[in-house]
Amino acid sequence: MSEIQRIFPPETPTPRGPYSPGVIAGDFVYISGQGPVDPATDKMSYGGIQHETRITLNNVKRILAAAGASLADVVKCNVYLRDGNDFRAMNEVYKEFFGEQKPARTTVAVAFADPTMKVEIDCVAYKRR
């Protein structure tokens, strides 16, 4: 098996560009930025920040599972918000997913290429092979 494995789980959204949804490199799993794409329709599911955060984190969770990891293995997250005022509401949903497993995190407000999207999340997990 190669030291680097690119994964394209069938039950996750199709990448919107030339990148892998997940990459396993040694004991680390890198998850590309995920947004609020409904995997059942492969279309964006816009809504409030909590709705979009929930869909986004479920996408992250699915890709991690395909790599043999879970949210408990996440060591670092980056959260990108269209509006910094959404931080508190996003954080409520984020806590539902991570609970006591608190990875390091950076949260920033950004302008997205898709101006309707409210959140994007990427992460790195550590899973001993």
N, C-alpha and C. Protein backbone atom coordinates (compact mmCIF):
# COMPACT_ATOMS: atom_id res chain seq x y z
N MET A 1 0.84 -1.18 0.00
CA MET A 1 0.00 0.00 0.00
C MET A 1 0.88 1.24 0.00
N SER A 2 0.48 2.22 -0.75
CA SER A 2 1.21 3.48 -0.85
C SER A 2 1.19 4.22 0.49
N GLU A 3 2.22 4.99 0.74
CA GLU A 3 2.26 5.83 1.94
C GLU A 3 1.17 6.90 1.91
N ILE A 4 0.77 7.27 0.69
CA ILE A 4 -0.28 8.28 0.52
C ILE A 4 -1.44 7.65 -0.24
N GLN A 5 -2.64 7.77 0.34
CA GLN A 5 -3.84 7.21 -0.28
C GLN A 5 -4.89 8.30 -0.39
N ARG A 6 -5.37 8.54 -1.57
CA ARG A 6 -6.42 9.53 -1.79
C ARG A 6 -7.76 8.81 -1.77
N ILE A 7 -8.70 9.34 -1.01
CA ILE A 7 -9.98 8.65 -0.89
C ILE A 7 -11.13 9.50 -1.45
N PHE A 8 -12.03 8.81 -2.12
CA PHE A 8 -13.22 9.42 -2.73
C PHE A 8 -14.42 8.58 -2.32
N PRO A 9 -14.88 8.69 -1.07
CA PRO A 9 -15.99 7.86 -0.61
C PRO A 9 -17.26 8.10 -1.43
N PRO A 10 -17.93 7.03 -1.86
CA PRO A 10 -19.11 7.19 -2.70
C PRO A 10 -20.29 7.86 -2.00
N GLU A 11 -20.35 7.79 -0.66
CA GLU A 11 -21.48 8.36 0.07
C GLU A 11 -21.24 9.81 0.49
N THR A 12 -20.27 10.46 -0.13
CA THR A 12 -19.96 11.85 0.20
C THR A 12 -20.10 12.73 -1.05
N PRO A 13 -20.21 14.04 -0.85
CA PRO A 13 -20.36 14.94 -1.99
C PRO A 13 -19.19 14.85 -2.98
N THR A 14 -19.49 15.03 -4.24
CA THR A 14 -18.48 15.07 -5.28
C THR A 14 -17.65 16.34 -5.12
N PRO A 15 -16.33 16.24 -5.17
CA PRO A 15 -15.51 17.45 -5.07
C PRO A 15 -15.90 18.47 -6.15
N ARG A 16 -15.87 19.73 -5.79
CA ARG A 16 -16.22 20.81 -6.71
C ARG A 16 -15.01 21.30 -7.50
N GLY A 17 -13.87 20.64 -7.35
CA GLY A 17 -12.66 21.05 -8.05
C GLY A 17 -11.68 19.90 -8.10
N PRO A 18 -10.46 20.17 -8.55
CA PRO A 18 -9.44 19.12 -8.70
C PRO A 18 -8.72 18.81 -7.38
N TYR A 19 -9.43 18.16 -6.46
CA TYR A 19 -8.85 17.80 -5.17
C TYR A 19 -9.51 16.52 -4.66
N SER A 20 -8.87 15.89 -3.70
CA SER A 20 -9.40 14.69 -3.05
C SER A 20 -10.17 15.12 -1.80
N PRO A 21 -11.33 14.50 -1.53
CA PRO A 21 -12.04 14.82 -0.30
C PRO A 21 -11.22 14.47 0.94
N GLY A 22 -10.43 13.39 0.84
CA GLY A 22 -9.60 12.99 1.95
C GLY A 22 -8.31 12.38 1.47
N VAL A 23 -7.28 12.53 2.26
CA VAL A 23 -5.97 11.95 1.94
C VAL A 23 -5.43 11.32 3.22
N ILE A 24 -5.04 10.05 3.11
CA ILE A 24 -4.38 9.37 4.21
C ILE A 24 -2.89 9.40 3.92
N ALA A 25 -2.13 9.95 4.83
CA ALA A 25 -0.67 10.03 4.69
C ALA A 25 -0.06 9.52 5.99
N GLY A 26 0.44 8.30 5.95
CA GLY A 26 0.96 7.69 7.17
C GLY A 26 -0.15 7.55 8.19
N ASP A 27 0.05 8.10 9.38
CA ASP A 27 -0.94 8.01 10.45
C ASP A 27 -1.90 9.20 10.47
N PHE A 28 -1.83 10.06 9.48
CA PHE A 28 -2.68 11.25 9.44
C PHE A 28 -3.73 11.16 8.34
N VAL A 29 -4.88 11.75 8.61
CA VAL A 29 -5.97 11.84 7.64
C VAL A 29 -6.26 13.33 7.47
N TYR A 30 -6.17 13.80 6.23
CA TYR A 30 -6.44 15.20 5.91
C TYR A 30 -7.77 15.27 5.18
N ILE A 31 -8.68 16.08 5.69
CA ILE A 31 -10.00 16.25 5.08
C ILE A 31 -10.04 17.63 4.43
N SER A 32 -10.31 17.63 3.12
CA SER A 32 -10.43 18.90 2.40
C SER A 32 -11.62 19.69 2.92
N GLY A 33 -11.61 20.98 2.68
CA GLY A 33 -12.71 21.84 3.09
C GLY A 33 -14.04 21.31 2.61
N GLN A 34 -14.95 21.12 3.53
CA GLN A 34 -16.28 20.64 3.23
C GLN A 34 -17.28 21.75 3.49
N GLY A 35 -18.31 21.78 2.65
CA GLY A 35 -19.37 22.76 2.80
C GLY A 35 -20.70 22.04 2.96
N PRO A 36 -21.78 22.81 2.94
CA PRO A 36 -23.10 22.25 3.17
C PRO A 36 -23.69 21.59 1.92
N VAL A 37 -23.03 20.55 1.44
CA VAL A 37 -23.52 19.82 0.26
C VAL A 37 -24.26 18.59 0.75
N ASP A 38 -25.51 18.45 0.36
CA ASP A 38 -26.32 17.29 0.71
C ASP A 38 -25.82 16.11 -0.11
N PRO A 39 -25.27 15.06 0.53
CA PRO A 39 -24.73 13.95 -0.24
C PRO A 39 -25.80 13.17 -1.01
N ALA A 40 -27.05 13.25 -0.59
CA ALA A 40 -28.12 12.54 -1.29
C ALA A 40 -28.42 13.16 -2.65
N THR A 41 -28.29 14.49 -2.74
CA THR A 41 -28.60 15.19 -3.99
C THR A 41 -27.34 15.71 -4.68
N ASP A 42 -26.22 15.77 -3.94
CA ASP A 42 -24.96 16.34 -4.41
C ASP A 42 -25.12 17.82 -4.77
N LYS A 43 -26.04 18.48 -4.09
CA LYS A 43 -26.28 19.91 -4.30
C LYS A 43 -26.13 20.65 -2.97
N MET A 44 -25.81 21.92 -3.06
CA MET A 44 -25.70 22.74 -1.87
C MET A 44 -27.04 22.77 -1.15
N SER A 45 -27.00 22.75 0.18
CA SER A 45 -28.21 22.84 1.00
C SER A 45 -28.07 24.08 1.87
N TYR A 46 -28.48 25.20 1.31
CA TYR A 46 -28.34 26.47 2.00
C TYR A 46 -29.39 26.59 3.10
N GLY A 47 -29.07 27.36 4.10
CA GLY A 47 -30.00 27.61 5.19
C GLY A 47 -29.30 28.42 6.25
N GLY A 48 -29.79 28.33 7.46
CA GLY A 48 -29.16 29.03 8.57
C GLY A 48 -27.79 28.42 8.87
N ILE A 49 -27.00 29.12 9.65
CA ILE A 49 -25.65 28.66 9.95
C ILE A 49 -25.67 27.32 10.67
N GLN A 50 -26.63 27.07 11.54
CA GLN A 50 -26.66 25.79 12.23
C GLN A 50 -26.98 24.65 11.27
N HIS A 51 -27.90 24.85 10.36
CA HIS A 51 -28.22 23.86 9.33
C HIS A 51 -26.98 23.55 8.49
N GLU A 52 -26.32 24.59 8.01
CA GLU A 52 -25.15 24.39 7.15
C GLU A 52 -23.99 23.75 7.92
N THR A 53 -23.80 24.13 9.18
CA THR A 53 -22.73 23.54 9.98
C THR A 53 -22.99 22.05 10.20
N ARG A 54 -24.22 21.69 10.48
CA ARG A 54 -24.58 20.29 10.71
C ARG A 54 -24.31 19.44 9.47
N ILE A 55 -24.72 19.91 8.31
CA ILE A 55 -24.48 19.17 7.06
C ILE A 55 -22.98 19.07 6.80
N THR A 56 -22.27 20.16 6.99
CA THR A 56 -20.83 20.19 6.74
C THR A 56 -20.10 19.20 7.65
N LEU A 57 -20.41 19.20 8.93
CA LEU A 57 -19.72 18.29 9.85
C LEU A 57 -20.11 16.83 9.61
N ASN A 58 -21.33 16.59 9.16
CA ASN A 58 -21.69 15.22 8.79
C ASN A 58 -20.89 14.76 7.57
N ASN A 59 -20.61 15.66 6.65
CA ASN A 59 -19.76 15.31 5.50
C ASN A 59 -18.34 14.99 5.96
N VAL A 60 -17.81 15.80 6.87
CA VAL A 60 -16.48 15.54 7.43
C VAL A 60 -16.47 14.17 8.09
N LYS A 61 -17.50 13.90 8.87
CA LYS A 61 -17.61 12.63 9.61
C LYS A 61 -17.61 11.43 8.65
N ARG A 62 -18.34 11.54 7.55
CA ARG A 62 -18.40 10.45 6.56
C ARG A 62 -17.04 10.19 5.92
N ILE A 63 -16.33 11.23 5.59
CA ILE A 63 -15.01 11.06 4.96
C ILE A 63 -14.03 10.45 5.96
N LEU A 64 -14.08 10.92 7.19
CA LEU A 64 -13.24 10.33 8.23
C LEU A 64 -13.53 8.84 8.37
N ALA A 65 -14.80 8.47 8.40
CA ALA A 65 -15.18 7.06 8.55
C ALA A 65 -14.63 6.23 7.40
N ALA A 66 -14.69 6.76 6.19
CA ALA A 66 -14.15 6.04 5.03
C ALA A 66 -12.64 5.85 5.15
N ALA A 67 -11.99 6.72 5.91
CA ALA A 67 -10.54 6.61 6.12
C ALA A 67 -10.21 5.79 7.36
N GLY A 68 -11.24 5.25 8.03
CA GLY A 68 -11.01 4.45 9.23
C GLY A 68 -10.79 5.29 10.47
N ALA A 69 -11.27 6.52 10.46
CA ALA A 69 -11.10 7.44 11.60
C ALA A 69 -12.47 7.98 12.02
N SER A 70 -12.46 8.77 13.06
CA SER A 70 -13.70 9.37 13.55
C SER A 70 -13.41 10.80 14.03
N LEU A 71 -14.47 11.49 14.43
CA LEU A 71 -14.28 12.84 14.95
C LEU A 71 -13.40 12.84 16.20
N ALA A 72 -13.40 11.74 16.96
CA ALA A 72 -12.56 11.65 18.15
C ALA A 72 -11.07 11.66 17.80
N ASP A 73 -10.73 11.35 16.55
CA ASP A 73 -9.34 11.32 16.10
C ASP A 73 -8.86 12.68 15.56
N VAL A 74 -9.76 13.64 15.44
CA VAL A 74 -9.41 14.94 14.87
C VAL A 74 -8.52 15.71 15.84
N VAL A 75 -7.40 16.20 15.31
CA VAL A 75 -6.47 16.97 16.13
C VAL A 75 -6.50 18.47 15.80
N LYS A 76 -7.01 18.83 14.61
CA LYS A 76 -7.02 20.24 14.20
C LYS A 76 -8.16 20.48 13.23
N CYS A 77 -8.92 21.53 13.45
CA CYS A 77 -9.98 21.96 12.54
C CYS A 77 -9.75 23.42 12.15
N ASN A 78 -10.13 23.73 10.94
CA ASN A 78 -10.21 25.11 10.49
C ASN A 78 -11.66 25.35 10.10
N VAL A 79 -12.26 26.39 10.67
CA VAL A 79 -13.64 26.74 10.37
C VAL A 79 -13.62 28.10 9.70
N TYR A 80 -14.28 28.17 8.55
CA TYR A 80 -14.37 29.41 7.78
C TYR A 80 -15.83 29.84 7.76
N LEU A 81 -16.09 31.06 8.21
CA LEU A 81 -17.44 31.60 8.25
C LEU A 81 -17.57 32.79 7.31
N ARG A 82 -18.68 32.84 6.60
CA ARG A 82 -18.93 34.01 5.76
C ARG A 82 -19.14 35.25 6.63
N ASP A 83 -19.78 35.04 7.79
CA ASP A 83 -20.09 36.15 8.69
C ASP A 83 -19.61 35.80 10.10
N GLY A 84 -18.68 36.54 10.61
CA GLY A 84 -18.15 36.30 11.94
C GLY A 84 -19.22 36.35 13.02
N ASN A 85 -20.33 37.02 12.76
CA ASN A 85 -21.42 37.08 13.74
C ASN A 85 -22.11 35.73 13.91
N ASP A 86 -21.83 34.78 13.01
CA ASP A 86 -22.41 33.43 13.11
C ASP A 86 -21.62 32.52 14.04
N PHE A 87 -20.55 33.04 14.63
CA PHE A 87 -19.66 32.19 15.44
C PHE A 87 -20.40 31.44 16.54
N ARG A 88 -21.17 32.14 17.34
CA ARG A 88 -21.84 31.51 18.49
C ARG A 88 -22.78 30.39 18.05
N ALA A 89 -23.60 30.64 17.04
CA ALA A 89 -24.55 29.62 16.56
C ALA A 89 -23.82 28.44 15.93
N MET A 90 -22.75 28.69 15.19
CA MET A 90 -21.96 27.61 14.61
C MET A 90 -21.35 26.79 15.73
N ASN A 91 -20.82 27.46 16.75
CA ASN A 91 -20.14 26.80 17.85
C ASN A 91 -21.07 25.85 18.62
N GLU A 92 -22.35 26.19 18.71
CA GLU A 92 -23.31 25.31 19.39
C GLU A 92 -23.39 23.96 18.68
N VAL A 93 -23.47 23.98 17.36
CA VAL A 93 -23.53 22.73 16.59
C VAL A 93 -22.19 22.02 16.64
N TYR A 94 -21.11 22.75 16.52
CA TYR A 94 -19.76 22.18 16.58
C TYR A 94 -19.59 21.38 17.87
N LYS A 95 -20.06 21.93 19.00
CA LYS A 95 -19.96 21.24 20.29
C LYS A 95 -20.74 19.93 20.30
N GLU A 96 -21.89 19.89 19.59
CA GLU A 96 -22.68 18.65 19.49
C GLU A 96 -21.84 17.53 18.86
N PHE A 97 -21.02 17.85 17.89
CA PHE A 97 -20.24 16.86 17.16
C PHE A 97 -18.97 16.46 17.90
N PHE A 98 -18.31 17.40 18.55
CA PHE A 98 -17.03 17.11 19.16
C PHE A 98 -17.11 16.84 20.66
N GLY A 99 -18.12 17.33 21.34
CA GLY A 99 -18.28 17.05 22.77
C GLY A 99 -17.00 17.33 23.54
N GLU A 100 -16.55 16.32 24.29
CA GLU A 100 -15.34 16.46 25.10
C GLU A 100 -14.07 16.31 24.27
N GLN A 101 -14.17 15.80 23.06
CA GLN A 101 -13.02 15.67 22.16
C GLN A 101 -12.81 17.04 21.51
N LYS A 102 -11.97 17.84 22.08
CA LYS A 102 -11.81 19.21 21.61
C LYS A 102 -10.51 19.35 20.83
N PRO A 103 -10.59 19.28 19.49
CA PRO A 103 -9.37 19.48 18.71
C PRO A 103 -8.93 20.94 18.74
N ALA A 104 -7.68 21.17 18.40
CA ALA A 104 -7.23 22.55 18.20
C ALA A 104 -8.07 23.13 17.06
N ARG A 105 -8.31 24.42 17.08
CA ARG A 105 -9.18 25.00 16.06
C ARG A 105 -8.82 26.45 15.78
N THR A 106 -8.99 26.82 14.53
CA THR A 106 -8.92 28.20 14.09
C THR A 106 -10.24 28.52 13.41
N THR A 107 -10.82 29.68 13.71
CA THR A 107 -12.06 30.10 13.06
C THR A 107 -11.83 31.50 12.51
N VAL A 108 -12.11 31.68 11.23
CA VAL A 108 -11.93 32.99 10.60
C VAL A 108 -13.14 33.32 9.74
N ALA A 109 -13.37 34.60 9.54
CA ALA A 109 -14.40 35.07 8.62
C ALA A 109 -13.73 35.31 7.27
N VAL A 110 -14.38 34.84 6.21
CA VAL A 110 -13.82 34.91 4.87
C VAL A 110 -14.89 35.24 3.84
N ALA A 111 -14.45 35.55 2.63
CA ALA A 111 -15.36 35.68 1.49
C ALA A 111 -15.24 34.40 0.68
N PHE A 112 -16.34 33.71 0.45
CA PHE A 112 -16.34 32.47 -0.32
C PHE A 112 -16.55 32.74 -1.80
N ALA A 113 -16.07 31.83 -2.63
CA ALA A 113 -16.35 31.90 -4.07
C ALA A 113 -17.86 31.78 -4.30
N ASP A 114 -18.52 30.98 -3.47
CA ASP A 114 -19.98 30.85 -3.50
C ASP A 114 -20.52 31.80 -2.43
N PRO A 115 -21.04 32.95 -2.83
CA PRO A 115 -21.42 33.97 -1.84
C PRO A 115 -22.62 33.60 -0.97
N THR A 116 -23.33 32.52 -1.29
CA THR A 116 -24.48 32.10 -0.49
C THR A 116 -24.07 31.18 0.65
N MET A 117 -22.98 30.44 0.47
CA MET A 117 -22.50 29.50 1.47
C MET A 117 -22.07 30.24 2.74
N LYS A 118 -22.40 29.65 3.90
CA LYS A 118 -22.09 30.30 5.17
C LYS A 118 -20.91 29.69 5.92
N VAL A 119 -20.54 28.42 5.62
CA VAL A 119 -19.49 27.76 6.40
C VAL A 119 -18.74 26.73 5.57
N GLU A 120 -17.46 26.58 5.86
CA GLU A 120 -16.63 25.52 5.30
C GLU A 120 -15.70 25.06 6.41
N ILE A 121 -15.47 23.74 6.48
CA ILE A 121 -14.63 23.18 7.55
C ILE A 121 -13.68 22.16 6.96
N ASP A 122 -12.40 22.25 7.32
CA ASP A 122 -11.43 21.21 6.98
C ASP A 122 -10.79 20.74 8.29
N CYS A 123 -10.14 19.58 8.24
CA CYS A 123 -9.52 19.09 9.46
C CYS A 123 -8.41 18.09 9.19
N VAL A 124 -7.67 17.79 10.24
CA VAL A 124 -6.60 16.79 10.22
C VAL A 124 -6.89 15.85 11.39
N ALA A 125 -6.83 14.55 11.12
CA ALA A 125 -7.02 13.54 12.16
C ALA A 125 -5.75 12.68 12.26
N TYR A 126 -5.54 12.13 13.43
CA TYR A 126 -4.42 11.23 13.66
C TYR A 126 -4.98 9.86 13.98
N LYS A 127 -4.63 8.87 13.18
CA LYS A 127 -5.11 7.50 13.39
C LYS A 127 -3.96 6.55 13.14
N ARG A 128 -3.43 5.97 14.22
CA ARG A 128 -2.31 5.04 14.08
C ARG A 128 -2.73 3.87 13.21
N ARG A 129 -1.93 3.55 12.22
CA ARG A 129 -2.25 2.45 11.28
C ARG A 129 -1.66 1.15 11.73
